[in-house]
Amino acid sequence: MWRLGPGWRVCSSAVLGGGLGPRAWILNAQVPGGYPRLDPALHLSEIAAAEALSGPGAGLMTAADVTAHTVADDGGATATVTSGLGVRGWAAVPAEGTEEPPLPGTVNIVVTLPVPLSDAALVNAVATATEAKVQALLDAGLDCSGTPTDSVCVAAPDPEERPGEPFAGPRSLWGARLARAVHSAVLEGALRQS
């Protein structure tokens, strides 16, 4: 759980509070394998209320053991990762998708940065984190790009009246730091499961 407080923006693919906007907290909730509920956003809202989290937030879910998370920091870019790699595969597969919901596996990535980012840079940061995740999985010897239910959250201070950092690609200062932090945390988690 991250209690960010006021003045933070998050760009994420989270089940609850996904998208781009102000967020006061981020929650990564552990759920059982074969998660039976069909209302994950409501469930996450209930968990947040039980933890006394108020205001807008982002909620992720995973069947992975959240106490076994990995953390890496590179120059102030901090990545926290939960890795459930039991159900993994490639993002683009030759066969058509299935009507059934994917089984949980989940590599959840939460990144916090100490500098404000523009809207475009926040979106770019999510892409950079995803690229670093795939690189780490391959470096761990896994034949996959992730799992069907992976999520990413990138949190940065609100730029307020300033424009914020314009870039977060892997060759920008903060994108490179983010990429190295995510790569390190995902690689550590993946190697624990190999």
N, C-alpha and C. Protein backbone atom coordinates (compact mmCIF):
# COMPACT_ATOMS: atom_id res chain seq x y z
N MET A 1 0.84 -1.17 0.00
CA MET A 1 0.00 0.00 0.00
C MET A 1 0.89 1.24 0.00
N TRP A 2 0.54 2.21 -0.81
CA TRP A 2 1.25 3.48 -0.89
C TRP A 2 0.26 4.58 -0.52
N ARG A 3 0.54 5.27 0.55
CA ARG A 3 -0.27 6.43 0.94
C ARG A 3 0.44 7.66 0.40
N LEU A 4 0.12 8.02 -0.82
CA LEU A 4 0.80 9.12 -1.49
C LEU A 4 0.41 10.47 -0.91
N GLY A 5 -0.86 10.62 -0.56
CA GLY A 5 -1.35 11.90 -0.08
C GLY A 5 -1.72 12.80 -1.25
N PRO A 6 -2.04 14.06 -0.96
CA PRO A 6 -2.43 14.98 -2.04
C PRO A 6 -1.22 15.39 -2.88
N GLY A 7 -1.50 15.85 -4.10
CA GLY A 7 -0.45 16.38 -4.95
C GLY A 7 0.26 15.35 -5.81
N TRP A 8 -0.34 14.18 -5.99
CA TRP A 8 0.26 13.13 -6.82
C TRP A 8 -0.66 12.81 -7.99
N ARG A 9 -0.05 12.44 -9.11
CA ARG A 9 -0.79 11.94 -10.27
C ARG A 9 -0.28 10.55 -10.58
N VAL A 10 -1.18 9.71 -11.07
CA VAL A 10 -0.84 8.33 -11.41
C VAL A 10 -1.37 8.03 -12.81
N CYS A 11 -0.57 7.34 -13.58
CA CYS A 11 -1.00 6.77 -14.85
C CYS A 11 -0.93 5.27 -14.68
N SER A 12 -2.05 4.58 -14.90
CA SER A 12 -2.03 3.15 -14.63
C SER A 12 -3.05 2.38 -15.44
N SER A 13 -2.85 1.07 -15.43
CA SER A 13 -3.81 0.13 -16.00
C SER A 13 -4.53 -0.61 -14.89
N ALA A 14 -4.60 -0.01 -13.71
CA ALA A 14 -5.20 -0.64 -12.53
C ALA A 14 -6.69 -0.92 -12.74
N VAL A 15 -7.18 -1.94 -12.07
CA VAL A 15 -8.60 -2.31 -12.11
C VAL A 15 -9.45 -1.17 -11.56
N LEU A 16 -9.01 -0.59 -10.46
CA LEU A 16 -9.71 0.53 -9.83
C LEU A 16 -8.85 1.78 -10.00
N GLY A 17 -9.42 2.85 -10.50
CA GLY A 17 -8.67 4.10 -10.65
C GLY A 17 -7.66 4.08 -11.76
N GLY A 18 -7.86 3.23 -12.77
CA GLY A 18 -6.95 3.21 -13.90
C GLY A 18 -7.08 4.49 -14.72
N GLY A 19 -6.16 4.68 -15.61
CA GLY A 19 -6.13 5.90 -16.42
C GLY A 19 -5.11 6.87 -15.86
N LEU A 20 -5.34 8.15 -16.10
CA LEU A 20 -4.41 9.18 -15.68
C LEU A 20 -5.16 10.23 -14.87
N GLY A 21 -4.67 10.51 -13.67
CA GLY A 21 -5.30 11.54 -12.87
C GLY A 21 -4.75 11.59 -11.47
N PRO A 22 -5.30 12.49 -10.66
CA PRO A 22 -4.84 12.60 -9.28
C PRO A 22 -5.21 11.35 -8.48
N ARG A 23 -4.27 10.85 -7.71
CA ARG A 23 -4.50 9.68 -6.86
C ARG A 23 -3.79 9.92 -5.53
N ALA A 24 -4.47 9.59 -4.44
CA ALA A 24 -3.90 9.77 -3.10
C ALA A 24 -3.29 8.49 -2.56
N TRP A 25 -3.56 7.38 -3.19
CA TRP A 25 -3.06 6.09 -2.71
C TRP A 25 -3.04 5.07 -3.85
N ILE A 26 -2.25 4.01 -3.63
CA ILE A 26 -2.20 2.85 -4.51
C ILE A 26 -2.24 1.62 -3.62
N LEU A 27 -3.04 0.65 -4.02
CA LEU A 27 -3.21 -0.58 -3.25
C LEU A 27 -2.98 -1.76 -4.17
N ASN A 28 -2.16 -2.71 -3.75
CA ASN A 28 -1.92 -3.95 -4.49
C ASN A 28 -2.43 -5.08 -3.60
N ALA A 29 -3.63 -5.55 -3.87
CA ALA A 29 -4.30 -6.53 -3.01
C ALA A 29 -4.05 -7.95 -3.47
N GLN A 30 -3.73 -8.81 -2.52
CA GLN A 30 -3.57 -10.23 -2.81
C GLN A 30 -4.93 -10.90 -2.73
N VAL A 31 -5.26 -11.67 -3.77
CA VAL A 31 -6.50 -12.43 -3.82
C VAL A 31 -6.15 -13.89 -4.09
N PRO A 32 -7.05 -14.81 -3.79
CA PRO A 32 -6.74 -16.23 -4.02
C PRO A 32 -6.70 -16.56 -5.51
N GLY A 33 -5.92 -17.59 -5.85
CA GLY A 33 -5.96 -18.11 -7.21
C GLY A 33 -7.38 -18.55 -7.53
N GLY A 34 -7.80 -18.37 -8.77
CA GLY A 34 -9.18 -18.69 -9.12
C GLY A 34 -10.16 -17.69 -8.55
N TYR A 35 -9.71 -16.46 -8.36
CA TYR A 35 -10.51 -15.38 -7.77
C TYR A 35 -11.94 -15.44 -8.30
N PRO A 36 -12.93 -15.62 -7.40
CA PRO A 36 -14.29 -15.88 -7.85
C PRO A 36 -15.15 -14.63 -8.10
N ARG A 37 -14.78 -13.48 -7.59
CA ARG A 37 -15.65 -12.31 -7.70
C ARG A 37 -15.60 -11.72 -9.11
N LEU A 38 -16.74 -11.17 -9.53
CA LEU A 38 -16.83 -10.54 -10.84
C LEU A 38 -16.92 -9.02 -10.72
N ASP A 39 -16.65 -8.51 -9.52
CA ASP A 39 -16.73 -7.07 -9.26
C ASP A 39 -15.44 -6.57 -8.61
N PRO A 40 -14.29 -6.74 -9.29
CA PRO A 40 -13.01 -6.41 -8.65
C PRO A 40 -12.90 -4.94 -8.23
N ALA A 41 -13.47 -4.02 -8.98
CA ALA A 41 -13.37 -2.60 -8.59
C ALA A 41 -14.11 -2.35 -7.27
N LEU A 42 -15.28 -2.96 -7.12
CA LEU A 42 -16.03 -2.82 -5.87
C LEU A 42 -15.25 -3.48 -4.72
N HIS A 43 -14.70 -4.65 -4.98
CA HIS A 43 -13.93 -5.35 -3.95
C HIS A 43 -12.74 -4.50 -3.50
N LEU A 44 -12.02 -3.91 -4.45
CA LEU A 44 -10.88 -3.05 -4.11
C LEU A 44 -11.34 -1.82 -3.33
N SER A 45 -12.48 -1.27 -3.68
CA SER A 45 -13.03 -0.13 -2.93
C SER A 45 -13.32 -0.52 -1.49
N GLU A 46 -13.83 -1.73 -1.29
CA GLU A 46 -14.11 -2.22 0.06
C GLU A 46 -12.80 -2.38 0.85
N ILE A 47 -11.78 -2.92 0.21
CA ILE A 47 -10.48 -3.09 0.87
C ILE A 47 -9.91 -1.72 1.24
N ALA A 48 -10.00 -0.77 0.31
CA ALA A 48 -9.48 0.57 0.56
C ALA A 48 -10.21 1.22 1.74
N ALA A 49 -11.53 1.06 1.80
CA ALA A 49 -12.30 1.63 2.91
C ALA A 49 -11.89 0.99 4.23
N ALA A 50 -11.68 -0.32 4.22
CA ALA A 50 -11.26 -1.02 5.44
C ALA A 50 -9.88 -0.56 5.92
N GLU A 51 -9.04 -0.08 4.99
CA GLU A 51 -7.71 0.42 5.33
C GLU A 51 -7.71 1.93 5.58
N ALA A 52 -8.90 2.52 5.60
CA ALA A 52 -9.08 3.96 5.83
C ALA A 52 -8.38 4.80 4.76
N LEU A 53 -8.36 4.31 3.54
CA LEU A 53 -7.82 5.08 2.42
C LEU A 53 -8.94 5.95 1.88
N SER A 54 -8.69 7.23 1.75
CA SER A 54 -9.73 8.13 1.26
C SER A 54 -9.24 8.90 0.05
N GLY A 55 -10.18 9.46 -0.67
CA GLY A 55 -9.87 10.18 -1.89
C GLY A 55 -9.67 9.21 -3.04
N PRO A 56 -9.34 9.74 -4.21
CA PRO A 56 -9.16 8.87 -5.36
C PRO A 56 -7.88 8.04 -5.21
N GLY A 57 -7.96 6.80 -5.67
CA GLY A 57 -6.80 5.92 -5.58
C GLY A 57 -6.79 4.95 -6.73
N ALA A 58 -5.76 4.14 -6.77
CA ALA A 58 -5.61 3.10 -7.78
C ALA A 58 -5.47 1.76 -7.07
N GLY A 59 -6.23 0.77 -7.51
CA GLY A 59 -6.18 -0.55 -6.90
C GLY A 59 -5.86 -1.64 -7.90
N LEU A 60 -4.86 -2.44 -7.56
CA LEU A 60 -4.46 -3.58 -8.38
C LEU A 60 -4.74 -4.86 -7.60
N MET A 61 -4.80 -5.96 -8.31
CA MET A 61 -4.99 -7.27 -7.67
C MET A 61 -3.97 -8.25 -8.22
N THR A 62 -3.65 -9.23 -7.37
CA THR A 62 -2.72 -10.27 -7.79
C THR A 62 -2.95 -11.52 -6.96
N ALA A 63 -2.71 -12.67 -7.55
CA ALA A 63 -2.71 -13.91 -6.81
C ALA A 63 -1.32 -14.20 -6.25
N ALA A 64 -0.34 -13.38 -6.63
CA ALA A 64 1.02 -13.55 -6.13
C ALA A 64 1.09 -13.14 -4.66
N ASP A 65 2.05 -13.68 -3.96
CA ASP A 65 2.26 -13.35 -2.55
C ASP A 65 2.81 -11.92 -2.47
N VAL A 66 1.99 -10.98 -1.99
CA VAL A 66 2.42 -9.59 -1.95
C VAL A 66 3.53 -9.35 -0.92
N THR A 67 3.69 -10.26 0.04
CA THR A 67 4.78 -10.09 1.00
C THR A 67 6.13 -10.47 0.38
N ALA A 68 6.10 -11.14 -0.76
CA ALA A 68 7.33 -11.54 -1.45
C ALA A 68 7.70 -10.54 -2.55
N HIS A 69 7.23 -9.32 -2.41
CA HIS A 69 7.52 -8.30 -3.42
C HIS A 69 9.02 -7.99 -3.50
N THR A 70 9.42 -7.42 -4.61
CA THR A 70 10.80 -6.99 -4.78
C THR A 70 10.80 -5.48 -5.01
N VAL A 71 11.86 -4.83 -4.56
CA VAL A 71 11.97 -3.38 -4.68
C VAL A 71 13.35 -3.03 -5.21
N ALA A 72 13.40 -2.08 -6.12
CA ALA A 72 14.67 -1.57 -6.62
C ALA A 72 14.55 -0.06 -6.79
N ASP A 73 15.65 0.63 -6.53
CA ASP A 73 15.69 2.08 -6.67
C ASP A 73 16.88 2.44 -7.55
N ASP A 74 16.66 3.39 -8.43
CA ASP A 74 17.74 3.90 -9.25
C ASP A 74 17.63 5.42 -9.29
N GLY A 75 18.46 6.10 -8.53
CA GLY A 75 18.50 7.55 -8.54
C GLY A 75 17.21 8.23 -8.16
N GLY A 76 16.40 7.59 -7.32
CA GLY A 76 15.13 8.18 -6.89
C GLY A 76 13.91 7.57 -7.56
N ALA A 77 14.10 6.82 -8.65
CA ALA A 77 13.00 6.08 -9.27
C ALA A 77 12.91 4.75 -8.54
N THR A 78 11.78 4.50 -7.89
CA THR A 78 11.60 3.28 -7.10
C THR A 78 10.53 2.40 -7.73
N ALA A 79 10.88 1.13 -7.94
CA ALA A 79 9.95 0.16 -8.50
C ALA A 79 9.69 -0.93 -7.47
N THR A 80 8.41 -1.22 -7.25
CA THR A 80 8.00 -2.32 -6.39
C THR A 80 7.20 -3.28 -7.25
N VAL A 81 7.56 -4.56 -7.18
CA VAL A 81 6.99 -5.55 -8.10
C VAL A 81 6.51 -6.78 -7.33
N THR A 82 5.32 -7.24 -7.66
CA THR A 82 4.88 -8.57 -7.23
C THR A 82 4.86 -9.44 -8.48
N SER A 83 5.41 -10.64 -8.36
CA SER A 83 5.57 -11.50 -9.52
C SER A 83 4.85 -12.82 -9.31
N GLY A 84 3.81 -13.02 -10.08
CA GLY A 84 3.14 -14.31 -10.14
C GLY A 84 3.26 -14.80 -11.57
N LEU A 85 4.19 -15.69 -11.80
CA LEU A 85 4.52 -16.08 -13.18
C LEU A 85 4.05 -17.48 -13.54
N GLY A 86 3.07 -17.99 -12.82
CA GLY A 86 2.56 -19.33 -13.11
C GLY A 86 1.78 -19.40 -14.41
N VAL A 87 1.13 -18.32 -14.80
CA VAL A 87 0.34 -18.28 -16.04
C VAL A 87 0.95 -17.18 -16.89
N ARG A 88 1.90 -17.56 -17.74
CA ARG A 88 2.58 -16.55 -18.53
C ARG A 88 2.51 -16.90 -20.00
N GLY A 89 2.83 -15.93 -20.83
CA GLY A 89 2.80 -16.15 -22.27
C GLY A 89 3.22 -14.88 -22.98
N TRP A 90 2.93 -14.85 -24.27
CA TRP A 90 3.28 -13.71 -25.10
C TRP A 90 2.06 -12.83 -25.30
N ALA A 91 2.28 -11.55 -25.42
CA ALA A 91 1.17 -10.62 -25.64
C ALA A 91 0.47 -10.89 -26.97
N ALA A 92 1.23 -11.10 -28.03
CA ALA A 92 0.65 -11.38 -29.34
C ALA A 92 0.78 -12.88 -29.60
N VAL A 93 -0.36 -13.52 -29.74
CA VAL A 93 -0.36 -14.96 -30.00
C VAL A 93 -1.08 -15.21 -31.32
N PRO A 94 -0.72 -16.28 -32.04
CA PRO A 94 -1.33 -16.50 -33.34
C PRO A 94 -2.81 -16.86 -33.28
N ALA A 95 -3.27 -17.50 -32.22
CA ALA A 95 -4.67 -17.92 -32.14
C ALA A 95 -5.54 -16.78 -31.65
N GLU A 96 -6.83 -16.87 -31.92
CA GLU A 96 -7.79 -15.89 -31.43
C GLU A 96 -7.88 -15.97 -29.92
N GLY A 97 -8.30 -14.87 -29.29
CA GLY A 97 -8.48 -14.83 -27.83
C GLY A 97 -9.62 -15.73 -27.41
N THR A 98 -9.74 -15.93 -26.13
CA THR A 98 -10.78 -16.79 -25.59
C THR A 98 -11.87 -15.95 -24.92
N GLU A 99 -13.05 -16.49 -24.84
CA GLU A 99 -14.16 -15.80 -24.19
C GLU A 99 -14.04 -15.86 -22.67
N GLU A 100 -13.29 -16.83 -22.15
CA GLU A 100 -13.16 -16.99 -20.71
C GLU A 100 -12.16 -15.99 -20.15
N PRO A 101 -12.38 -15.52 -18.92
CA PRO A 101 -11.40 -14.60 -18.34
C PRO A 101 -10.07 -15.31 -18.12
N PRO A 102 -8.96 -14.59 -18.28
CA PRO A 102 -7.66 -15.23 -18.11
C PRO A 102 -7.43 -15.63 -16.65
N LEU A 103 -6.71 -16.73 -16.47
CA LEU A 103 -6.35 -17.13 -15.12
C LEU A 103 -5.38 -16.11 -14.54
N PRO A 104 -5.43 -15.88 -13.23
CA PRO A 104 -4.51 -14.89 -12.66
C PRO A 104 -3.09 -15.41 -12.64
N GLY A 105 -2.19 -14.55 -12.84
CA GLY A 105 -0.76 -14.81 -12.69
C GLY A 105 -0.24 -13.52 -12.11
N THR A 106 -0.02 -12.57 -12.95
CA THR A 106 0.15 -11.17 -12.63
C THR A 106 1.54 -10.75 -12.18
N VAL A 107 2.13 -9.89 -12.98
CA VAL A 107 3.29 -9.12 -12.60
C VAL A 107 2.76 -7.69 -12.44
N ASN A 108 2.66 -7.25 -11.20
CA ASN A 108 2.21 -5.88 -10.93
C ASN A 108 3.41 -5.01 -10.62
N ILE A 109 3.46 -3.86 -11.27
CA ILE A 109 4.58 -2.93 -11.12
C ILE A 109 4.04 -1.59 -10.64
N VAL A 110 4.59 -1.09 -9.54
CA VAL A 110 4.27 0.25 -9.06
C VAL A 110 5.58 1.03 -9.00
N VAL A 111 5.61 2.15 -9.71
CA VAL A 111 6.80 3.00 -9.76
C VAL A 111 6.45 4.35 -9.16
N THR A 112 7.31 4.86 -8.30
CA THR A 112 7.18 6.22 -7.82
C THR A 112 8.40 7.01 -8.26
N LEU A 113 8.13 8.22 -8.71
CA LEU A 113 9.19 9.13 -9.16
C LEU A 113 9.13 10.40 -8.33
N PRO A 114 10.27 11.03 -8.09
CA PRO A 114 10.27 12.24 -7.27
C PRO A 114 10.04 13.52 -8.05
N VAL A 115 9.90 13.42 -9.38
CA VAL A 115 9.77 14.62 -10.21
C VAL A 115 8.44 14.61 -10.95
N PRO A 116 7.85 15.78 -11.18
CA PRO A 116 6.62 15.84 -11.97
C PRO A 116 6.87 15.46 -13.42
N LEU A 117 5.90 14.81 -14.03
CA LEU A 117 5.95 14.44 -15.44
C LEU A 117 4.77 15.06 -16.17
N SER A 118 4.96 15.41 -17.43
CA SER A 118 3.84 15.83 -18.27
C SER A 118 2.91 14.63 -18.49
N ASP A 119 1.72 14.88 -19.01
CA ASP A 119 0.80 13.77 -19.32
C ASP A 119 1.46 12.77 -20.26
N ALA A 120 2.08 13.29 -21.32
CA ALA A 120 2.71 12.40 -22.30
C ALA A 120 3.84 11.59 -21.66
N ALA A 121 4.61 12.22 -20.78
CA ALA A 121 5.70 11.51 -20.13
C ALA A 121 5.18 10.43 -19.18
N LEU A 122 4.04 10.68 -18.52
CA LEU A 122 3.45 9.64 -17.66
C LEU A 122 3.05 8.42 -18.49
N VAL A 123 2.43 8.66 -19.63
CA VAL A 123 2.06 7.55 -20.51
C VAL A 123 3.31 6.85 -21.00
N ASN A 124 4.32 7.62 -21.39
CA ASN A 124 5.58 7.05 -21.85
C ASN A 124 6.24 6.22 -20.75
N ALA A 125 6.12 6.66 -19.49
CA ALA A 125 6.71 5.93 -18.36
C ALA A 125 6.09 4.54 -18.22
N VAL A 126 4.79 4.41 -18.47
CA VAL A 126 4.14 3.10 -18.41
C VAL A 126 4.71 2.19 -19.51
N ALA A 127 4.89 2.75 -20.70
CA ALA A 127 5.48 1.96 -21.79
C ALA A 127 6.91 1.54 -21.45
N THR A 128 7.69 2.47 -20.90
CA THR A 128 9.07 2.16 -20.53
C THR A 128 9.13 1.07 -19.47
N ALA A 129 8.23 1.16 -18.47
CA ALA A 129 8.19 0.12 -17.43
C ALA A 129 7.85 -1.23 -18.04
N THR A 130 6.93 -1.25 -18.99
CA THR A 130 6.54 -2.50 -19.64
C THR A 130 7.69 -3.08 -20.45
N GLU A 131 8.41 -2.22 -21.18
CA GLU A 131 9.57 -2.69 -21.93
C GLU A 131 10.62 -3.29 -21.00
N ALA A 132 10.87 -2.63 -19.87
CA ALA A 132 11.87 -3.12 -18.92
C ALA A 132 11.43 -4.44 -18.31
N LYS A 133 10.13 -4.60 -18.07
CA LYS A 133 9.60 -5.87 -17.54
C LYS A 133 9.90 -7.01 -18.51
N VAL A 134 9.58 -6.80 -19.78
CA VAL A 134 9.80 -7.85 -20.78
C VAL A 134 11.29 -8.19 -20.87
N GLN A 135 12.15 -7.17 -20.88
CA GLN A 135 13.59 -7.41 -20.92
C GLN A 135 14.03 -8.25 -19.73
N ALA A 136 13.52 -7.94 -18.54
CA ALA A 136 13.90 -8.69 -17.34
C ALA A 136 13.41 -10.14 -17.41
N LEU A 137 12.21 -10.36 -17.91
CA LEU A 137 11.70 -11.73 -18.02
C LEU A 137 12.56 -12.55 -18.98
N LEU A 138 12.96 -11.94 -20.08
CA LEU A 138 13.83 -12.64 -21.03
C LEU A 138 15.21 -12.88 -20.41
N ASP A 139 15.72 -11.88 -19.68
CA ASP A 139 17.03 -12.04 -19.02
C ASP A 139 16.99 -13.14 -17.96
N ALA A 140 15.80 -13.40 -17.40
CA ALA A 140 15.64 -14.47 -16.41
C ALA A 140 15.50 -15.84 -17.08
N GLY A 141 15.50 -15.86 -18.41
CA GLY A 141 15.39 -17.13 -19.14
C GLY A 141 13.97 -17.58 -19.36
N LEU A 142 13.00 -16.68 -19.16
CA LEU A 142 11.59 -17.05 -19.36
C LEU A 142 11.18 -16.73 -20.79
N ASP A 143 10.39 -17.60 -21.36
CA ASP A 143 9.93 -17.46 -22.73
C ASP A 143 8.54 -16.81 -22.71
N CYS A 144 8.50 -15.50 -22.39
CA CYS A 144 7.21 -14.82 -22.28
C CYS A 144 7.41 -13.31 -22.26
N SER A 145 6.30 -12.58 -22.48
CA SER A 145 6.32 -11.13 -22.33
C SER A 145 5.62 -10.69 -21.06
N GLY A 146 5.02 -11.64 -20.35
CA GLY A 146 4.33 -11.34 -19.10
C GLY A 146 3.21 -12.32 -18.86
N THR A 147 2.18 -11.87 -18.13
CA THR A 147 1.00 -12.69 -17.90
C THR A 147 -0.21 -11.96 -18.46
N PRO A 148 -1.36 -12.62 -18.57
CA PRO A 148 -2.53 -11.96 -19.15
C PRO A 148 -3.13 -10.86 -18.28
N THR A 149 -2.69 -10.75 -17.02
CA THR A 149 -3.34 -9.80 -16.11
C THR A 149 -2.37 -8.80 -15.49
N ASP A 150 -1.23 -8.55 -16.11
CA ASP A 150 -0.24 -7.62 -15.57
C ASP A 150 -0.81 -6.20 -15.50
N SER A 151 -0.36 -5.45 -14.49
CA SER A 151 -0.74 -4.03 -14.36
C SER A 151 0.48 -3.20 -14.02
N VAL A 152 0.41 -1.93 -14.41
CA VAL A 152 1.48 -0.97 -14.14
C VAL A 152 0.86 0.30 -13.58
N CYS A 153 1.48 0.86 -12.54
CA CYS A 153 1.11 2.18 -12.02
C CYS A 153 2.39 3.00 -11.93
N VAL A 154 2.36 4.21 -12.47
CA VAL A 154 3.48 5.14 -12.32
C VAL A 154 2.93 6.37 -11.62
N ALA A 155 3.55 6.71 -10.47
CA ALA A 155 3.12 7.86 -9.66
C ALA A 155 4.21 8.92 -9.67
N ALA A 156 3.80 10.17 -9.86
CA ALA A 156 4.72 11.31 -9.85
C ALA A 156 4.00 12.51 -9.26
N PRO A 157 4.75 13.42 -8.66
CA PRO A 157 4.12 14.63 -8.13
C PRO A 157 3.40 15.40 -9.24
N ASP A 158 2.33 16.08 -8.87
CA ASP A 158 1.59 16.92 -9.79
C ASP A 158 2.47 18.09 -10.20
N PRO A 159 2.58 18.38 -11.50
CA PRO A 159 3.43 19.49 -11.91
C PRO A 159 2.85 20.86 -11.55
N GLU A 160 1.56 20.88 -11.16
CA GLU A 160 0.87 22.13 -10.85
C GLU A 160 1.02 23.09 -12.01
N GLU A 161 1.64 24.22 -11.83
CA GLU A 161 1.76 25.22 -12.89
C GLU A 161 2.95 24.98 -13.82
N ARG A 162 3.87 24.13 -13.40
CA ARG A 162 5.05 23.85 -14.23
C ARG A 162 4.70 22.81 -15.29
N PRO A 163 5.48 22.72 -16.36
CA PRO A 163 5.14 21.75 -17.40
C PRO A 163 5.46 20.30 -17.03
N GLY A 164 6.35 20.04 -16.11
CA GLY A 164 6.76 18.67 -15.80
C GLY A 164 7.78 18.17 -16.81
N GLU A 165 8.48 17.11 -16.44
CA GLU A 165 9.47 16.51 -17.34
C GLU A 165 8.75 16.09 -18.63
N PRO A 166 9.30 16.42 -19.78
CA PRO A 166 8.58 16.14 -21.03
C PRO A 166 8.71 14.70 -21.52
N PHE A 167 9.73 13.97 -21.05
CA PHE A 167 9.98 12.63 -21.59
C PHE A 167 10.20 11.62 -20.46
N ALA A 168 9.81 10.36 -20.73
CA ALA A 168 10.12 9.27 -19.81
C ALA A 168 10.43 8.00 -20.58
N GLY A 169 10.92 8.17 -21.80
CA GLY A 169 11.38 7.03 -22.59
C GLY A 169 12.70 6.51 -22.02
N PRO A 170 13.14 5.35 -22.47
CA PRO A 170 14.31 4.71 -21.87
C PRO A 170 15.63 5.47 -22.04
N ARG A 171 15.70 6.48 -22.89
CA ARG A 171 16.93 7.25 -23.03
C ARG A 171 16.83 8.63 -22.39
N SER A 172 15.70 8.94 -21.76
CA SER A 172 15.60 10.18 -20.99
C SER A 172 16.15 9.91 -19.59
N LEU A 173 16.48 10.95 -18.86
CA LEU A 173 17.06 10.78 -17.52
C LEU A 173 16.15 9.94 -16.63
N TRP A 174 14.89 10.35 -16.48
CA TRP A 174 14.00 9.65 -15.54
C TRP A 174 13.47 8.35 -16.11
N GLY A 175 13.30 8.28 -17.43
CA GLY A 175 12.89 7.02 -18.04
C GLY A 175 13.96 5.95 -17.90
N ALA A 176 15.22 6.34 -18.04
CA ALA A 176 16.32 5.38 -17.89
C ALA A 176 16.39 4.87 -16.45
N ARG A 177 16.22 5.77 -15.50
CA ARG A 177 16.24 5.36 -14.09
C ARG A 177 15.07 4.43 -13.79
N LEU A 178 13.89 4.79 -14.28
CA LEU A 178 12.71 3.95 -14.10
C LEU A 178 12.95 2.58 -14.72
N ALA A 179 13.48 2.54 -15.94
CA ALA A 179 13.71 1.26 -16.63
C ALA A 179 14.66 0.37 -15.84
N ARG A 180 15.74 0.96 -15.34
CA ARG A 180 16.70 0.14 -14.58
C ARG A 180 16.09 -0.37 -13.29
N ALA A 181 15.29 0.46 -12.60
CA ALA A 181 14.65 0.03 -11.36
C ALA A 181 13.66 -1.10 -11.62
N VAL A 182 12.82 -0.93 -12.64
CA VAL A 182 11.84 -1.97 -12.97
C VAL A 182 12.55 -3.24 -13.39
N HIS A 183 13.54 -3.13 -14.25
CA HIS A 183 14.28 -4.31 -14.70
C HIS A 183 14.85 -5.08 -13.52
N SER A 184 15.48 -4.37 -12.60
CA SER A 184 16.10 -5.02 -11.44
C SER A 184 15.06 -5.71 -10.57
N ALA A 185 13.95 -5.04 -10.28
CA ALA A 185 12.93 -5.63 -9.41
C ALA A 185 12.24 -6.82 -10.07
N VAL A 186 11.91 -6.71 -11.36
CA VAL A 186 11.26 -7.82 -12.07
C VAL A 186 12.23 -9.00 -12.19
N LEU A 187 13.48 -8.72 -12.52
CA LEU A 187 14.46 -9.80 -12.66
C LEU A 187 14.62 -10.55 -11.34
N GLU A 188 14.73 -9.84 -10.24
CA GLU A 188 14.86 -10.51 -8.94
C GLU A 188 13.64 -11.40 -8.66
N GLY A 189 12.45 -10.86 -8.89
CA GLY A 189 11.24 -11.65 -8.66
C GLY A 189 11.15 -12.86 -9.57
N ALA A 190 11.52 -12.69 -10.84
CA ALA A 190 11.47 -13.80 -11.80
C ALA A 190 12.48 -14.88 -11.45
N LEU A 191 13.68 -14.48 -11.05
CA LEU A 191 14.69 -15.48 -10.71
C LEU A 191 14.31 -16.27 -9.46
N ARG A 192 13.58 -15.67 -8.55
CA ARG A 192 13.11 -16.41 -7.37
C ARG A 192 12.17 -17.54 -7.77
N GLN A 193 11.47 -17.37 -8.89
CA GLN A 193 10.49 -18.37 -9.33
C GLN A 193 11.04 -19.33 -10.38
N SER A 194 12.24 -19.08 -10.85
CA SER A 194 12.81 -19.94 -11.92
C SER A 194 13.39 -21.21 -11.33
